[in-house]
Amino acid sequence: MKKLKVKFRLWVETSSGKNVIGDGRWRLLEEIKNTGSLSKACKTLGISYRKAWGDLEKMQSALPIPLIEKHRGGTAGGETQLTPFGKKIVNAYRKLHKDIEKEIIRAGKYVRLNK
């Protein structure tokens, strides 16, 4: 029998059921933070600018405080930065994901699915 591995998907939604952030949107915010550019984040993640912008709008419509700041640029191009609240969301999601992953790994040690 092949070795089995536990996987999970995590997302955070509002009390009314509106999806705020999950792994994909979190990766998008992380890449914006790392690159300072929505275009570069899209290229890195292999997603269209339109999809990324749609995801940002959906997140933003569910939250009361802006996640990003866009600055149009001239010859050097513009930039997109996370707001302090955006950084807080990214860090909180990362911590939540890691904590849950640790618990799943710990719990998996007690479940013997393999011979």
C-alpha atoms as a PDB file:
ATOM      1  CA  MET A   1       0.000   0.000   0.000  1.00  0.00           C
ATOM      2  CA  LYS A   2       1.271   3.476  -0.839  1.00  0.00           C
ATOM      3  CA  LYS A   3       1.932   5.902   1.975  1.00  0.00           C
ATOM      4  CA  LEU A   4      -1.005   8.231   2.666  1.00  0.00           C
ATOM      5  CA  LYS A   5      -0.708  11.910   3.453  1.00  0.00           C
ATOM      6  CA  VAL A   6      -3.276  14.181   5.084  1.00  0.00           C
ATOM      7  CA  LYS A   7      -4.041  17.386   3.162  1.00  0.00           C
ATOM      8  CA  PHE A   8      -6.368  20.256   4.008  1.00  0.00           C
ATOM      9  CA  ARG A   9      -7.825  23.461   2.610  1.00  0.00           C
ATOM     10  CA  LEU A  10      -8.325  26.488   4.775  1.00  0.00           C
ATOM     11  CA  TRP A  11     -10.266  29.661   4.185  1.00  0.00           C
ATOM     12  CA  VAL A  12     -11.671  32.459   6.296  1.00  0.00           C
ATOM     13  CA  GLU A  13     -15.100  33.908   5.664  1.00  0.00           C
ATOM     14  CA  THR A  14     -17.338  36.551   7.164  1.00  0.00           C
ATOM     15  CA  SER A  15     -20.211  35.649   9.472  1.00  0.00           C
ATOM     16  CA  SER A  16     -22.498  36.039   6.448  1.00  0.00           C
ATOM     17  CA  GLY A  17     -20.490  33.417   4.504  1.00  0.00           C
ATOM     18  CA  LYS A  18     -18.499  35.757   2.246  1.00  0.00           C
ATOM     19  CA  ASN A  19     -15.092  34.235   1.452  1.00  0.00           C
ATOM     20  CA  VAL A  20     -12.321  36.597   2.534  1.00  0.00           C
ATOM     21  CA  ILE A  21      -9.073  34.666   2.192  1.00  0.00           C
ATOM     22  CA  GLY A  22      -7.859  31.179   1.395  1.00  0.00           C
ATOM     23  CA  ASP A  23      -4.571  29.703   0.205  1.00  0.00           C
ATOM     24  CA  GLY A  24      -4.730  31.235  -3.286  1.00  0.00           C
ATOM     25  CA  ARG A  25      -5.587  34.734  -2.153  1.00  0.00           C
ATOM     26  CA  TRP A  26      -3.016  34.479   0.621  1.00  0.00           C
ATOM     27  CA  ARG A  27      -0.312  33.551  -1.912  1.00  0.00           C
ATOM     28  CA  LEU A  28      -1.365  36.535  -4.041  1.00  0.00           C
ATOM     29  CA  LEU A  29      -0.988  38.927  -1.100  1.00  0.00           C
ATOM     30  CA  GLU A  30       2.359  37.329  -0.177  1.00  0.00           C
ATOM     31  CA  GLU A  31       3.666  37.850  -3.716  1.00  0.00           C
ATOM     32  CA  ILE A  32       2.462  41.453  -3.784  1.00  0.00           C
ATOM     33  CA  LYS A  33       4.329  41.970  -0.499  1.00  0.00           C
ATOM     34  CA  ASN A  34       7.476  40.305  -1.903  1.00  0.00           C
ATOM     35  CA  THR A  35       7.507  41.968  -5.325  1.00  0.00           C
ATOM     36  CA  GLY A  36       5.782  45.304  -4.715  1.00  0.00           C
ATOM     37  CA  SER A  37       3.843  44.726  -7.915  1.00  0.00           C
ATOM     38  CA  LEU A  38       0.523  43.134  -8.812  1.00  0.00           C
ATOM     39  CA  SER A  39       1.790  42.369 -12.330  1.00  0.00           C
ATOM     40  CA  LYS A  40       4.907  40.623 -11.032  1.00  0.00           C
ATOM     41  CA  ALA A  41       2.849  38.705  -8.470  1.00  0.00           C
ATOM     42  CA  CYS A  42       0.579  37.472 -11.278  1.00  0.00           C
ATOM     43  CA  LYS A  43       3.541  36.327 -13.366  1.00  0.00           C
ATOM     44  CA  THR A  44       5.115  34.516 -10.425  1.00  0.00           C
ATOM     45  CA  LEU A  45       1.851  32.733  -9.600  1.00  0.00           C
ATOM     46  CA  GLY A  46       0.900  32.084 -13.219  1.00  0.00           C
ATOM     47  CA  ILE A  47      -2.486  33.786 -12.957  1.00  0.00           C
ATOM     48  CA  SER A  48      -4.059  36.517 -15.047  1.00  0.00           C
ATOM     49  CA  TYR A  49      -4.092  40.117 -13.913  1.00  0.00           C
ATOM     50  CA  ARG A  50      -7.877  40.066 -14.280  1.00  0.00           C
ATOM     51  CA  LYS A  51      -8.261  37.083 -11.916  1.00  0.00           C
ATOM     52  CA  ALA A  52      -5.911  38.639  -9.375  1.00  0.00           C
ATOM     53  CA  TRP A  53      -7.714  41.975  -9.491  1.00  0.00           C
ATOM     54  CA  GLY A  54     -11.068  40.185  -9.106  1.00  0.00           C
ATOM     55  CA  ASP A  55      -9.773  38.286  -6.070  1.00  0.00           C
ATOM     56  CA  LEU A  56      -8.493  41.517  -4.523  1.00  0.00           C
ATOM     57  CA  GLU A  57     -11.853  43.203  -5.086  1.00  0.00           C
ATOM     58  CA  LYS A  58     -13.696  40.261  -3.486  1.00  0.00           C
ATOM     59  CA  MET A  59     -11.431  40.330  -0.447  1.00  0.00           C
ATOM     60  CA  GLN A  60     -11.728  44.077  -0.156  1.00  0.00           C
ATOM     61  CA  SER A  61     -15.529  44.040  -0.430  1.00  0.00           C
ATOM     62  CA  ALA A  62     -15.666  41.712   2.588  1.00  0.00           C
ATOM     63  CA  LEU A  63     -13.387  43.835   4.755  1.00  0.00           C
ATOM     64  CA  PRO A  64     -13.782  47.336   6.197  1.00  0.00           C
ATOM     65  CA  ILE A  65     -10.127  48.398   5.800  1.00  0.00           C
ATOM     66  CA  PRO A  66      -8.016  48.465   2.584  1.00  0.00           C
ATOM     67  CA  LEU A  67      -5.547  45.620   2.007  1.00  0.00           C
ATOM     68  CA  ILE A  68      -3.455  47.224  -0.730  1.00  0.00           C
ATOM     69  CA  GLU A  69      -2.305  50.613  -1.962  1.00  0.00           C
ATOM     70  CA  LYS A  70      -1.683  51.086  -5.673  1.00  0.00           C
ATOM     71  CA  HIS A  71       0.556  53.827  -6.973  1.00  0.00           C
ATOM     72  CA  ARG A  72       0.612  54.486 -10.692  1.00  0.00           C
ATOM     73  CA  GLY A  73       4.079  55.016 -12.023  1.00  0.00           C
ATOM     74  CA  GLY A  74       5.674  56.778 -14.908  1.00  0.00           C
ATOM     75  CA  THR A  75       8.631  55.358 -16.774  1.00  0.00           C
ATOM     76  CA  ALA A  76       9.668  53.174 -13.845  1.00  0.00           C
ATOM     77  CA  GLY A  77       6.184  51.686 -13.537  1.00  0.00           C
ATOM     78  CA  GLY A  78       3.807  51.673 -10.622  1.00  0.00           C
ATOM     79  CA  GLU A  79       3.815  49.723  -7.448  1.00  0.00           C
ATOM     80  CA  THR A  80       1.359  47.863  -5.271  1.00  0.00           C
ATOM     81  CA  GLN A  81       2.007  47.612  -1.562  1.00  0.00           C
ATOM     82  CA  LEU A  82       0.145  45.936   1.261  1.00  0.00           C
ATOM     83  CA  THR A  83      -1.304  48.285   3.831  1.00  0.00           C
ATOM     84  CA  PRO A  84      -0.466  47.621   7.485  1.00  0.00           C
ATOM     85  CA  PHE A  85      -3.861  45.859   7.712  1.00  0.00           C
ATOM     86  CA  GLY A  86      -2.991  43.787   4.614  1.00  0.00           C
ATOM     87  CA  LYS A  87       0.275  42.706   6.247  1.00  0.00           C
ATOM     88  CA  LYS A  88      -1.630  41.807   9.400  1.00  0.00           C
ATOM     89  CA  ILE A  89      -4.047  39.604   7.421  1.00  0.00           C
ATOM     90  CA  VAL A  90      -1.154  37.845   5.627  1.00  0.00           C
ATOM     91  CA  ASN A  91       0.713  37.174   8.868  1.00  0.00           C
ATOM     92  CA  ALA A  92      -2.399  36.008  10.734  1.00  0.00           C
ATOM     93  CA  TYR A  93      -3.353  33.606   7.921  1.00  0.00           C
ATOM     94  CA  ARG A  94       0.208  32.224   7.755  1.00  0.00           C
ATOM     95  CA  LYS A  95       0.217  31.590  11.521  1.00  0.00           C
ATOM     96  CA  LEU A  96      -3.236  29.998  11.449  1.00  0.00           C
ATOM     97  CA  HIS A  97      -2.221  27.740   8.555  1.00  0.00           C
ATOM     98  CA  LYS A  98       1.005  26.651  10.286  1.00  0.00           C
ATOM     99  CA  ASP A  99      -0.768  25.979  13.577  1.00  0.00           C
ATOM    100  CA  ILE A 100      -3.425  23.832  11.915  1.00  0.00           C
ATOM    101  CA  GLU A 101      -0.802  21.998   9.861  1.00  0.00           C
ATOM    102  CA  LYS A 102       1.160  21.159  13.029  1.00  0.00           C
ATOM    103  CA  GLU A 103      -1.975  19.775  14.669  1.00  0.00           C
ATOM    104  CA  ILE A 104      -2.829  17.674  11.626  1.00  0.00           C
ATOM    105  CA  ILE A 105       0.697  16.234  11.558  1.00  0.00           C
ATOM    106  CA  ARG A 106       0.533  15.547  15.305  1.00  0.00           C
ATOM    107  CA  ALA A 107      -2.893  13.905  15.012  1.00  0.00           C
ATOM    108  CA  GLY A 108      -1.744  11.878  12.007  1.00  0.00           C
ATOM    109  CA  LYS A 109       0.877  10.142  14.135  1.00  0.00           C
ATOM    110  CA  TYR A 110      -1.927   8.494  16.076  1.00  0.00           C
ATOM    111  CA  VAL A 111      -3.833   7.298  13.029  1.00  0.00           C
ATOM    112  CA  ARG A 112      -2.268   4.267  11.391  1.00  0.00           C
ATOM    113  CA  LEU A 113      -3.517   4.021   7.832  1.00  0.00           C
ATOM    114  CA  ASN A 114      -0.487   2.116   6.530  1.00  0.00           C
ATOM    115  CA  LYS A 115       0.764  -1.359   7.383  1.00  0.00           C
END
